[in-house]
Protein backbone atom coordinates (compact mmCIF):
# COMPACT_ATOMS: atom_id res chain seq x y z
CA MET A 1 -58.72 -9.90 8.10
CA LYS A 2 -61.46 -7.44 7.22
CA SER A 3 -60.23 -4.06 6.16
CA SER A 4 -61.85 -1.24 4.24
CA GLN A 5 -58.47 0.02 3.02
CA PRO A 6 -55.18 -1.49 1.87
CA TYR A 7 -52.26 -1.70 4.23
CA VAL A 8 -50.70 1.69 4.93
CA GLN A 9 -46.92 1.40 5.23
CA THR A 10 -45.11 4.13 7.11
CA PHE A 11 -41.53 4.78 8.12
CA VAL A 12 -40.04 6.97 10.80
CA PRO A 13 -38.07 9.47 8.70
CA THR A 14 -34.94 9.54 10.86
CA ARG A 15 -32.90 6.75 9.29
CA GLN A 16 -30.60 6.62 12.30
CA TYR A 17 -33.43 5.12 14.32
CA MET A 18 -35.54 3.20 11.83
CA ASN A 19 -35.25 2.22 8.19
CA ASP A 20 -36.19 -0.60 5.91
CA GLU A 21 -32.85 -2.27 6.60
CA VAL A 22 -33.75 -2.65 10.29
CA MET A 23 -37.53 -2.60 10.80
CA LEU A 24 -40.70 -1.97 8.82
CA ILE A 25 -43.93 -0.55 10.21
CA GLU A 26 -47.31 -1.16 8.59
CA ASN A 27 -50.30 0.60 10.14
CA ILE A 28 -53.28 -1.51 9.13
CA PRO A 29 -56.80 -0.02 9.27
CA VAL A 30 -59.39 -2.16 11.06
CA GLU A 31 -62.99 -2.03 9.91
CA GLY A 32 -65.67 -1.10 12.41
CA THR A 33 -63.58 0.31 15.25
CA PHE A 34 -64.88 3.01 17.57
CA PRO A 35 -63.58 5.63 17.84
CA LYS A 36 -63.18 5.32 14.09
CA GLY A 37 -59.82 4.90 12.44
CA GLY A 38 -58.41 2.18 14.66
CA LEU A 39 -55.13 0.64 13.49
CA ILE A 40 -53.11 -2.49 14.10
CA SER A 41 -49.43 -1.53 13.96
CA LEU A 42 -47.36 -4.38 12.50
CA TRP A 43 -43.63 -4.12 13.24
CA THR A 44 -41.37 -6.38 11.18
CA LEU A 45 -37.76 -6.86 12.21
CA ASN A 46 -36.00 -6.67 8.86
CA ARG A 47 -32.57 -8.27 8.96
CA PRO A 48 -33.43 -11.65 7.40
CA ASP A 49 -29.86 -12.33 6.24
CA LYS A 50 -28.86 -12.08 9.93
CA LEU A 51 -31.91 -14.10 11.07
CA ASN A 52 -33.39 -10.79 12.29
CA SER A 53 -30.87 -10.71 15.15
CA LEU A 54 -31.15 -7.63 17.35
CA ASN A 55 -28.34 -5.12 16.99
CA SER A 56 -28.06 -1.59 18.39
CA GLU A 57 -29.99 -0.17 15.42
CA SER A 58 -32.81 -2.67 15.98
CA HIS A 59 -33.09 -1.50 19.58
CA LYS A 60 -33.19 2.14 18.49
CA ALA A 61 -35.90 1.32 15.95
CA LEU A 62 -38.00 -0.55 18.49
CA LYS A 63 -37.73 2.23 21.06
CA GLU A 64 -38.66 4.85 18.45
CA ALA A 65 -41.62 2.70 17.39
CA CYS A 66 -42.77 2.45 21.01
CA ASN A 67 -42.74 6.24 21.30
CA MET A 68 -44.72 6.49 18.06
CA ALA A 69 -47.31 3.94 19.19
CA GLU A 70 -47.91 5.62 22.54
CA SER A 71 -48.42 9.00 20.92
CA ASN A 72 -50.82 7.74 18.23
CA ASP A 73 -54.32 7.22 19.66
CA SER A 74 -55.41 5.39 16.50
CA ILE A 75 -53.06 2.48 17.21
CA ARG A 76 -55.01 -0.09 19.24
CA VAL A 77 -52.76 -3.18 19.06
CA ILE A 78 -49.09 -3.78 18.19
CA VAL A 79 -47.93 -6.98 16.45
CA ILE A 80 -44.20 -7.73 16.29
CA THR A 81 -42.74 -10.27 13.86
CA GLY A 82 -39.62 -11.08 11.85
CA ALA A 83 -39.06 -10.76 8.11
CA SER A 84 -39.16 -13.90 5.98
CA PRO A 85 -35.89 -15.09 4.41
CA ASN A 86 -34.77 -13.48 1.18
CA THR A 87 -34.61 -15.57 -1.98
CA PRO A 88 -31.05 -16.96 -1.99
CA PRO A 89 -28.63 -16.58 -4.91
CA GLU A 90 -28.65 -19.48 -7.34
CA GLY A 91 -26.93 -22.49 -5.85
CA LYS A 92 -27.11 -21.12 -2.29
CA LYS A 93 -29.24 -22.49 0.54
CA ALA A 94 -32.03 -20.26 1.87
CA LYS A 95 -31.73 -18.88 5.39
CA PRO A 96 -34.15 -20.37 7.92
CA PHE A 97 -37.24 -18.55 9.11
CA SER A 98 -36.63 -16.48 12.22
CA PHE A 99 -38.50 -14.15 14.54
CA ALA A 100 -35.21 -12.92 16.04
CA ALA A 101 -32.27 -15.24 16.56
CA GLY A 102 -30.82 -13.43 19.54
CA ALA A 103 -28.47 -10.48 19.78
CA ASP A 104 -25.88 -9.55 17.19
CA ILE A 105 -22.97 -11.20 19.00
CA SER A 106 -20.40 -9.27 16.96
CA GLU A 107 -21.33 -6.21 19.04
CA PHE A 108 -20.22 -7.97 22.25
CA VAL A 109 -16.58 -8.44 21.28
CA GLY A 110 -14.12 -6.61 23.56
CA LYS A 111 -16.90 -4.91 25.58
CA ASN A 112 -16.74 -4.59 29.37
CA SER A 113 -19.47 -3.79 31.87
CA ASP A 114 -19.01 -0.04 31.55
CA ASP A 115 -19.42 -0.31 27.78
CA VAL A 116 -22.77 -2.14 27.92
CA ARG A 117 -24.42 -0.90 31.11
CA GLU A 118 -26.06 2.20 29.59
CA PHE A 119 -27.40 0.21 26.63
CA PHE A 120 -28.98 -2.45 28.84
CA GLU A 121 -30.40 0.10 31.26
CA ASP A 122 -32.36 1.69 28.39
CA ASN A 123 -33.21 -1.26 26.18
CA ALA A 124 -36.00 -2.11 23.74
CA TRP A 125 -37.28 -5.08 25.74
CA GLU A 126 -38.37 -2.83 28.60
CA ARG A 127 -39.85 -0.26 26.23
CA VAL A 128 -42.03 -2.94 24.62
CA TRP A 129 -42.92 -4.38 28.04
CA ASN A 130 -44.01 -0.96 29.30
CA LEU A 131 -46.31 -0.13 26.38
CA SER A 132 -49.81 0.65 27.62
CA LYS A 133 -51.37 -0.93 24.52
CA PRO A 134 -51.73 -4.69 23.93
CA THR A 135 -48.83 -6.36 22.13
CA ILE A 136 -48.65 -9.67 20.28
CA ALA A 137 -45.52 -11.50 19.16
CA MET A 138 -46.10 -13.32 15.85
CA ILE A 139 -43.32 -15.91 15.83
CA ASP A 140 -42.27 -17.93 12.80
CA GLY A 141 -38.99 -19.79 13.23
CA PHE A 142 -36.16 -19.12 15.65
CA ALA A 143 -36.76 -16.98 18.73
CA LEU A 144 -33.49 -17.29 20.64
CA GLY A 145 -31.78 -15.26 23.34
CA GLY A 146 -32.82 -11.66 22.90
CA GLY A 147 -35.47 -12.85 20.44
CA THR A 148 -37.10 -14.99 23.12
CA GLU A 149 -36.83 -12.01 25.46
CA LEU A 150 -38.57 -9.77 22.91
CA ALA A 151 -41.37 -12.33 22.62
CA LEU A 152 -41.57 -12.46 26.43
CA SER A 153 -41.85 -8.65 26.50
CA CYS A 154 -45.08 -8.92 24.51
CA ASP A 155 -48.42 -9.68 26.17
CA ILE A 156 -49.40 -12.59 23.90
CA ARG A 157 -47.33 -14.99 21.78
CA ILE A 158 -48.62 -16.83 18.70
CA ALA A 159 -46.15 -19.23 17.05
CA SER A 160 -45.90 -21.34 13.94
CA ASN A 161 -45.22 -25.05 14.37
CA ARG A 162 -41.70 -24.63 13.02
CA SER A 163 -40.71 -22.17 15.74
CA LYS A 164 -37.99 -22.85 18.28
CA PHE A 165 -37.25 -21.04 21.53
CA GLY A 166 -34.22 -20.88 23.76
CA THR A 167 -31.93 -18.86 26.00
CA PRO A 168 -28.45 -19.92 24.82
CA GLU A 169 -26.56 -17.09 26.53
CA ILE A 170 -24.98 -19.62 28.93
CA ASN A 171 -22.93 -20.90 26.00
CA LEU A 172 -21.33 -17.45 25.70
CA GLY A 173 -20.52 -17.23 29.39
CA LEU A 174 -23.54 -14.95 29.88
CA ILE A 175 -27.11 -15.07 31.16
CA PRO A 176 -30.25 -13.46 29.67
CA GLY A 177 -29.98 -9.69 30.19
CA GLY A 178 -33.25 -8.36 28.76
CA GLY A 179 -35.59 -9.54 31.50
CA GLY A 180 -35.54 -13.15 30.36
CA THR A 181 -34.82 -14.78 33.72
CA GLN A 182 -37.71 -12.92 35.34
CA ARG A 183 -40.40 -13.12 32.66
CA LEU A 184 -39.59 -16.69 31.72
CA CYS A 185 -39.93 -17.83 35.33
CA ARG A 186 -43.34 -16.18 35.65
CA LEU A 187 -44.59 -17.90 32.48
CA VAL A 188 -43.16 -21.41 32.69
CA GLY A 189 -42.24 -21.76 36.37
CA TYR A 190 -38.96 -21.84 38.27
CA GLY A 191 -37.81 -25.32 37.30
CA LYS A 192 -38.42 -25.04 33.56
CA ALA A 193 -36.99 -21.53 33.41
CA LEU A 194 -33.81 -22.58 35.18
CA GLU A 195 -33.49 -25.64 32.95
CA MET A 196 -33.69 -23.43 29.85
CA VAL A 197 -31.25 -20.86 31.20
CA LEU A 198 -28.69 -23.41 32.48
CA THR A 199 -28.69 -25.71 29.45
CA GLY A 200 -29.22 -23.21 26.64
CA GLU A 201 -31.20 -25.91 24.82
CA MET A 202 -34.08 -25.10 22.49
CA LEU A 203 -37.77 -25.94 22.87
CA ASP A 204 -39.91 -26.77 19.87
CA SER A 205 -43.31 -25.15 19.43
CA GLU A 206 -45.29 -27.97 21.05
CA GLU A 207 -43.16 -27.95 24.19
CA ALA A 208 -43.36 -24.16 24.27
CA LEU A 209 -47.14 -24.47 24.15
CA SER A 210 -47.33 -27.18 26.80
CA CYS A 211 -45.23 -25.21 29.30
CA GLY A 212 -47.07 -21.93 28.71
CA LEU A 213 -44.36 -20.07 26.84
CA VAL A 214 -46.73 -19.40 23.92
CA ASN A 215 -50.49 -18.94 23.80
CA SER A 216 -51.15 -20.98 20.67
CA VAL A 217 -49.46 -22.75 17.77
CA THR A 218 -50.60 -22.84 14.17
CA SER A 219 -49.22 -23.66 10.74
CA PRO A 220 -46.91 -21.15 9.05
CA GLU A 221 -49.57 -20.62 6.38
CA ASN A 222 -52.19 -19.67 8.99
CA LEU A 223 -49.94 -17.73 11.36
CA LYS A 224 -50.64 -14.23 10.08
CA GLN A 225 -54.38 -14.82 9.69
CA THR A 226 -54.63 -16.26 13.21
CA THR A 227 -52.61 -13.45 14.75
CA MET A 228 -54.35 -10.64 12.92
CA LYS A 229 -57.79 -12.07 13.72
CA LEU A 230 -56.86 -11.94 17.41
CA ALA A 231 -55.46 -8.42 17.03
CA GLU A 232 -58.61 -7.28 15.23
CA ASN A 233 -60.78 -8.71 17.99
CA ILE A 234 -58.86 -6.70 20.59
CA ALA A 235 -58.78 -3.59 18.40
CA ASN A 236 -62.58 -3.53 18.32
CA LYS A 237 -62.83 -3.22 22.10
CA SER A 238 -62.82 0.10 23.95
CA PRO A 239 -59.24 1.40 23.66
CA TYR A 240 -59.48 2.94 27.11
CA THR A 241 -60.75 -0.22 28.76
CA THR A 242 -58.10 -2.41 27.12
CA LYS A 243 -55.41 -0.23 28.70
CA VAL A 244 -57.07 -0.57 32.10
CA ALA A 245 -57.41 -4.33 31.64
CA LYS A 246 -53.75 -4.70 30.74
CA ARG A 247 -52.73 -2.55 33.70
CA ALA A 248 -54.82 -4.64 36.10
CA VAL A 249 -53.56 -8.02 34.86
CA ARG A 250 -49.95 -6.77 34.77
CA ALA A 251 -50.26 -5.71 38.42
CA SER A 252 -50.63 -9.39 39.39
CA LEU A 253 -46.94 -9.87 38.53
CA ASP A 254 -45.80 -7.29 41.07
CA LEU A 255 -48.39 -7.10 43.84
CA PRO A 256 -49.26 -9.59 46.60
CA PHE A 257 -52.61 -11.25 45.91
CA SER A 258 -54.62 -9.25 48.44
CA GLU A 259 -53.21 -5.95 47.16
CA GLY A 260 -53.85 -7.01 43.57
CA VAL A 261 -57.50 -7.72 44.33
CA LEU A 262 -57.84 -4.26 45.88
CA MET A 263 -56.16 -2.69 42.87
CA GLU A 264 -58.48 -4.56 40.49
CA ARG A 265 -61.53 -3.45 42.49
CA SER A 266 -60.38 0.16 42.32
CA GLU A 267 -59.92 -0.04 38.54
CA PHE A 268 -63.29 -1.77 38.11
CA VAL A 269 -65.20 0.77 40.18
CA ALA A 270 -63.51 3.70 38.40
CA LEU A 271 -64.72 2.36 35.03
CA PHE A 272 -68.30 3.07 36.15
CA ASP A 273 -67.51 6.76 35.69
CA THR A 274 -66.52 6.32 32.03
CA GLU A 275 -68.71 6.91 29.02
CA ASP A 276 -67.61 3.61 27.48
CA LYS A 277 -69.09 1.65 30.41
CA GLU A 278 -72.50 3.21 29.75
CA ILE A 279 -72.14 2.62 26.01
CA GLY A 280 -71.18 -1.02 26.53
CA VAL A 281 -73.96 -1.79 29.00
CA ASN A 282 -76.67 -0.17 26.86
CA ALA A 283 -75.40 -1.84 23.70
CA PHE A 284 -75.57 -5.22 25.44
CA LEU A 285 -79.12 -4.63 26.67
CA ASN A 286 -80.23 -3.42 23.23
CA ARG A 287 -78.34 -6.23 21.44
CA GLU A 288 -76.30 -3.72 19.48
CA SER A 289 -72.62 -3.36 18.76
CA PRO A 290 -71.07 -0.75 21.05
CA LYS A 291 -69.76 2.46 19.50
CA TRP A 292 -66.96 3.29 21.91
CA LEU A 293 -65.74 6.81 22.60
CA GLY A 294 -62.48 5.69 24.15
CA LYS A 295 -63.12 7.43 27.45
């Protein structure tokens, strides 16, 4: 990925919500963006010894990161991934690679509906889903349960060929609770979604690709390069127009077709009043690269 500067690593200072034991954030400058200073924000779930499973602190970190990303106009694209396994002690087997191997089940013990309702009504999956900026899940290894749901909450999913996906909550006497039944059905269809939810069985990367669960599959060695190239491509578009585009496509999930077409038309026509439309059209006619203003 082209970059005029090294990676800039930042941390939210309130350790209660985010720290290097839970999640890392790297804000990566992208060369040639307009307005200048565009960033790709790379969020790395950082509990490799727990296969990056999502606990309450992970959810707090993700929600805090979502607030940060929305308030920072320089951030154009968010990429979410999981930390690679730590080097094991001598004589010990290394942990497998994992995007996020579900929820931290130890937090479920002894809980009743009153104990968990507030947490699930304000969860990280919905915060990621509701981001106005494009999001990409960069998946290497296990994405299970809440990890699959986090990937589903992103707009685009790029996976390595050693990745595995599943919704094994049925084996705990539960069902997906982070939007998984709804988003999975819209991606892979009713039959496949219900098969995954009822059996709890895993899909390998090729099956995930064939049923539409992921956008593309690559080797582990090429995963970051492939994902960041895509993120850089998006980051170089008008940041205002990418938000409108995401909003219009997202509307197709909620609106009847005829209403969605009307909504798209309204968004399209409104873009003719923006400065970036004029910049883009003139740049095309003059065979130049557009220098967006973001409005």
